[in-house]
Amino acid sequence: MDTVILYSTGCPRCRVLKKKLDAKGIVYTLEENEDPSFMIEKGFTETPILEVDGKAMGFMEANEWTNQF
C-alpha cells in the first residue's frame, strides 16, 4: 500500500477529506497543524494536502484519488 499523509489545519475541507479517507478504509498518517507557517515551510499554499508516496495533491486531486477505492 502507498504511504499516505494528510496535512490538515482542521478546516472544513480538511474534515471532509479525512471523513472520506476513513470511509474508504484508507490508512494514512494525520499531520494536523493550525500554524500556517508549518504549511508554508512544507511548500503548501492550501489545505488539505494529501501526500501519496511523495506526491502532494490539493483538495480536488485528493478527492479524485480517493474515488479510485
N, C-alpha and C. Protein backbone atom coordinates (compact mmCIF):
# COMPACT_ATOMS: atom_id res chain seq x y z
N MET A 1 0.84 -1.19 0.00
CA MET A 1 0.00 0.00 0.00
C MET A 1 0.88 1.24 0.00
N ASP A 2 0.34 2.30 -0.53
CA ASP A 2 1.04 3.57 -0.62
C ASP A 2 1.24 4.20 0.76
N THR A 3 2.25 5.04 0.87
CA THR A 3 2.43 5.85 2.06
C THR A 3 1.57 7.10 1.89
N VAL A 4 0.60 7.29 2.78
CA VAL A 4 -0.37 8.38 2.65
C VAL A 4 -0.29 9.26 3.89
N ILE A 5 -0.13 10.57 3.67
CA ILE A 5 -0.10 11.55 4.76
C ILE A 5 -1.14 12.63 4.44
N LEU A 6 -1.98 12.94 5.41
CA LEU A 6 -2.94 14.02 5.28
C LEU A 6 -2.43 15.20 6.10
N TYR A 7 -2.13 16.31 5.43
CA TYR A 7 -1.74 17.54 6.09
C TYR A 7 -2.99 18.39 6.24
N SER A 8 -3.33 18.72 7.46
CA SER A 8 -4.60 19.35 7.75
C SER A 8 -4.45 20.47 8.75
N THR A 9 -5.32 21.47 8.62
CA THR A 9 -5.42 22.53 9.63
C THR A 9 -6.72 22.39 10.41
N GLY A 10 -7.51 21.38 10.09
CA GLY A 10 -8.79 21.19 10.74
C GLY A 10 -9.91 21.99 10.09
N CYS A 11 -9.65 22.57 8.93
CA CYS A 11 -10.65 23.37 8.21
C CYS A 11 -11.77 22.46 7.69
N PRO A 12 -12.88 23.04 7.23
CA PRO A 12 -13.98 22.22 6.73
C PRO A 12 -13.58 21.26 5.61
N ARG A 13 -12.78 21.72 4.65
CA ARG A 13 -12.34 20.81 3.57
C ARG A 13 -11.45 19.70 4.13
N CYS A 14 -10.63 20.02 5.11
CA CYS A 14 -9.79 19.01 5.75
C CYS A 14 -10.65 17.92 6.38
N ARG A 15 -11.70 18.33 7.07
CA ARG A 15 -12.59 17.37 7.72
C ARG A 15 -13.32 16.50 6.69
N VAL A 16 -13.72 17.09 5.56
CA VAL A 16 -14.38 16.33 4.50
C VAL A 16 -13.44 15.25 3.97
N LEU A 17 -12.20 15.63 3.67
CA LEU A 17 -11.26 14.66 3.12
C LEU A 17 -10.92 13.58 4.15
N LYS A 18 -10.77 13.96 5.40
CA LYS A 18 -10.50 12.98 6.45
C LYS A 18 -11.64 11.96 6.55
N LYS A 19 -12.87 12.43 6.53
CA LYS A 19 -14.03 11.52 6.58
C LYS A 19 -14.06 10.59 5.39
N LYS A 20 -13.71 11.12 4.23
CA LYS A 20 -13.70 10.29 3.02
C LYS A 20 -12.63 9.21 3.10
N LEU A 21 -11.44 9.56 3.57
CA LEU A 21 -10.37 8.57 3.73
C LEU A 21 -10.80 7.49 4.72
N ASP A 22 -11.39 7.91 5.83
CA ASP A 22 -11.86 6.95 6.83
C ASP A 22 -12.93 6.03 6.26
N ALA A 23 -13.88 6.59 5.53
CA ALA A 23 -14.97 5.80 4.96
C ALA A 23 -14.47 4.78 3.95
N LYS A 24 -13.40 5.14 3.23
CA LYS A 24 -12.84 4.23 2.23
C LYS A 24 -11.87 3.22 2.85
N GLY A 25 -11.57 3.38 4.13
CA GLY A 25 -10.65 2.47 4.80
C GLY A 25 -9.21 2.67 4.40
N ILE A 26 -8.88 3.87 3.94
CA ILE A 26 -7.51 4.17 3.52
C ILE A 26 -6.69 4.51 4.77
N VAL A 27 -5.59 3.80 4.96
CA VAL A 27 -4.71 4.02 6.10
C VAL A 27 -3.80 5.20 5.79
N TYR A 28 -3.75 6.15 6.71
CA TYR A 28 -2.96 7.35 6.49
C TYR A 28 -2.42 7.87 7.82
N THR A 29 -1.43 8.73 7.70
CA THR A 29 -0.89 9.44 8.85
C THR A 29 -1.47 10.84 8.81
N LEU A 30 -1.94 11.32 9.95
CA LEU A 30 -2.51 12.66 10.03
C LEU A 30 -1.48 13.61 10.61
N GLU A 31 -1.15 14.64 9.84
CA GLU A 31 -0.27 15.72 10.30
C GLU A 31 -1.15 16.94 10.43
N GLU A 32 -1.68 17.17 11.62
CA GLU A 32 -2.58 18.30 11.81
C GLU A 32 -1.84 19.41 12.52
N ASN A 33 -1.89 20.60 11.92
CA ASN A 33 -1.18 21.74 12.48
C ASN A 33 -1.92 23.00 12.10
N GLU A 34 -2.31 23.78 13.06
CA GLU A 34 -3.05 25.02 12.80
C GLU A 34 -2.12 26.20 12.53
N ASP A 35 -0.83 25.98 12.55
CA ASP A 35 0.15 27.04 12.31
C ASP A 35 0.42 27.16 10.81
N PRO A 36 -0.01 28.25 10.18
CA PRO A 36 0.19 28.40 8.73
C PRO A 36 1.67 28.35 8.32
N SER A 37 2.57 28.78 9.20
CA SER A 37 3.99 28.79 8.83
C SER A 37 4.50 27.36 8.61
N PHE A 38 3.94 26.38 9.33
CA PHE A 38 4.32 24.98 9.13
C PHE A 38 3.99 24.55 7.70
N MET A 39 2.78 24.89 7.26
CA MET A 39 2.36 24.51 5.90
C MET A 39 3.20 25.24 4.85
N ILE A 40 3.49 26.51 5.09
CA ILE A 40 4.29 27.29 4.15
C ILE A 40 5.69 26.71 4.04
N GLU A 41 6.27 26.30 5.17
CA GLU A 41 7.61 25.68 5.16
C GLU A 41 7.61 24.41 4.32
N LYS A 42 6.48 23.67 4.31
CA LYS A 42 6.37 22.45 3.51
C LYS A 42 6.14 22.78 2.04
N GLY A 43 5.88 24.07 1.73
CA GLY A 43 5.62 24.48 0.35
C GLY A 43 4.15 24.41 -0.04
N PHE A 44 3.28 24.26 0.94
CA PHE A 44 1.85 24.15 0.67
C PHE A 44 1.20 25.53 0.77
N THR A 45 0.32 25.82 -0.18
CA THR A 45 -0.37 27.10 -0.18
C THR A 45 -1.86 26.95 0.12
N GLU A 46 -2.30 25.73 0.33
CA GLU A 46 -3.70 25.46 0.66
C GLU A 46 -3.77 24.20 1.51
N THR A 47 -4.90 24.00 2.14
CA THR A 47 -5.13 22.76 2.86
C THR A 47 -6.52 22.27 2.51
N PRO A 48 -6.74 21.00 2.57
CA PRO A 48 -5.80 19.96 2.96
C PRO A 48 -4.86 19.61 1.81
N ILE A 49 -3.76 18.98 2.17
CA ILE A 49 -2.84 18.39 1.20
C ILE A 49 -2.76 16.91 1.52
N LEU A 50 -2.94 16.10 0.51
CA LEU A 50 -2.79 14.66 0.67
C LEU A 50 -1.52 14.27 -0.07
N GLU A 51 -0.59 13.66 0.65
CA GLU A 51 0.67 13.24 0.05
C GLU A 51 0.65 11.72 -0.07
N VAL A 52 0.80 11.24 -1.29
CA VAL A 52 0.80 9.81 -1.55
C VAL A 52 2.13 9.46 -2.21
N ASP A 53 2.93 8.67 -1.52
CA ASP A 53 4.26 8.29 -1.99
C ASP A 53 5.06 9.50 -2.48
N GLY A 54 5.01 10.60 -1.72
CA GLY A 54 5.80 11.78 -2.03
C GLY A 54 5.14 12.76 -2.97
N LYS A 55 4.00 12.40 -3.57
CA LYS A 55 3.30 13.31 -4.48
C LYS A 55 2.22 14.06 -3.70
N ALA A 56 2.32 15.39 -3.67
CA ALA A 56 1.36 16.22 -2.95
C ALA A 56 0.19 16.57 -3.85
N MET A 57 -1.03 16.44 -3.29
CA MET A 57 -2.24 16.74 -4.04
C MET A 57 -3.11 17.69 -3.23
N GLY A 58 -3.68 18.68 -3.90
CA GLY A 58 -4.64 19.56 -3.28
C GLY A 58 -5.98 18.86 -3.11
N PHE A 59 -6.95 19.58 -2.60
CA PHE A 59 -8.25 19.02 -2.26
C PHE A 59 -8.93 18.30 -3.43
N MET A 60 -9.02 18.95 -4.57
CA MET A 60 -9.73 18.36 -5.71
C MET A 60 -9.04 17.09 -6.20
N GLU A 61 -7.74 17.15 -6.38
CA GLU A 61 -6.99 15.98 -6.86
C GLU A 61 -7.04 14.85 -5.83
N ALA A 62 -6.98 15.20 -4.55
CA ALA A 62 -7.06 14.20 -3.49
C ALA A 62 -8.41 13.49 -3.50
N ASN A 63 -9.48 14.24 -3.74
CA ASN A 63 -10.81 13.64 -3.85
C ASN A 63 -10.87 12.65 -5.00
N GLU A 64 -10.31 13.04 -6.14
CA GLU A 64 -10.27 12.15 -7.31
C GLU A 64 -9.48 10.88 -6.98
N TRP A 65 -8.37 11.03 -6.27
CA TRP A 65 -7.55 9.87 -5.91
C TRP A 65 -8.34 8.92 -5.02
N THR A 66 -9.03 9.47 -4.01
CA THR A 66 -9.78 8.60 -3.09
C THR A 66 -10.95 7.92 -3.78
N ASN A 67 -11.48 8.51 -4.84
CA ASN A 67 -12.58 7.89 -5.58
C ASN A 67 -12.19 6.59 -6.26
N GLN A 68 -10.90 6.34 -6.41
CA GLN A 68 -10.41 5.11 -7.04
C GLN A 68 -10.68 3.89 -6.15
N PHE A 69 -10.96 4.09 -4.89
CA PHE A 69 -11.10 2.99 -3.95
C PHE A 69 -12.54 2.69 -3.66
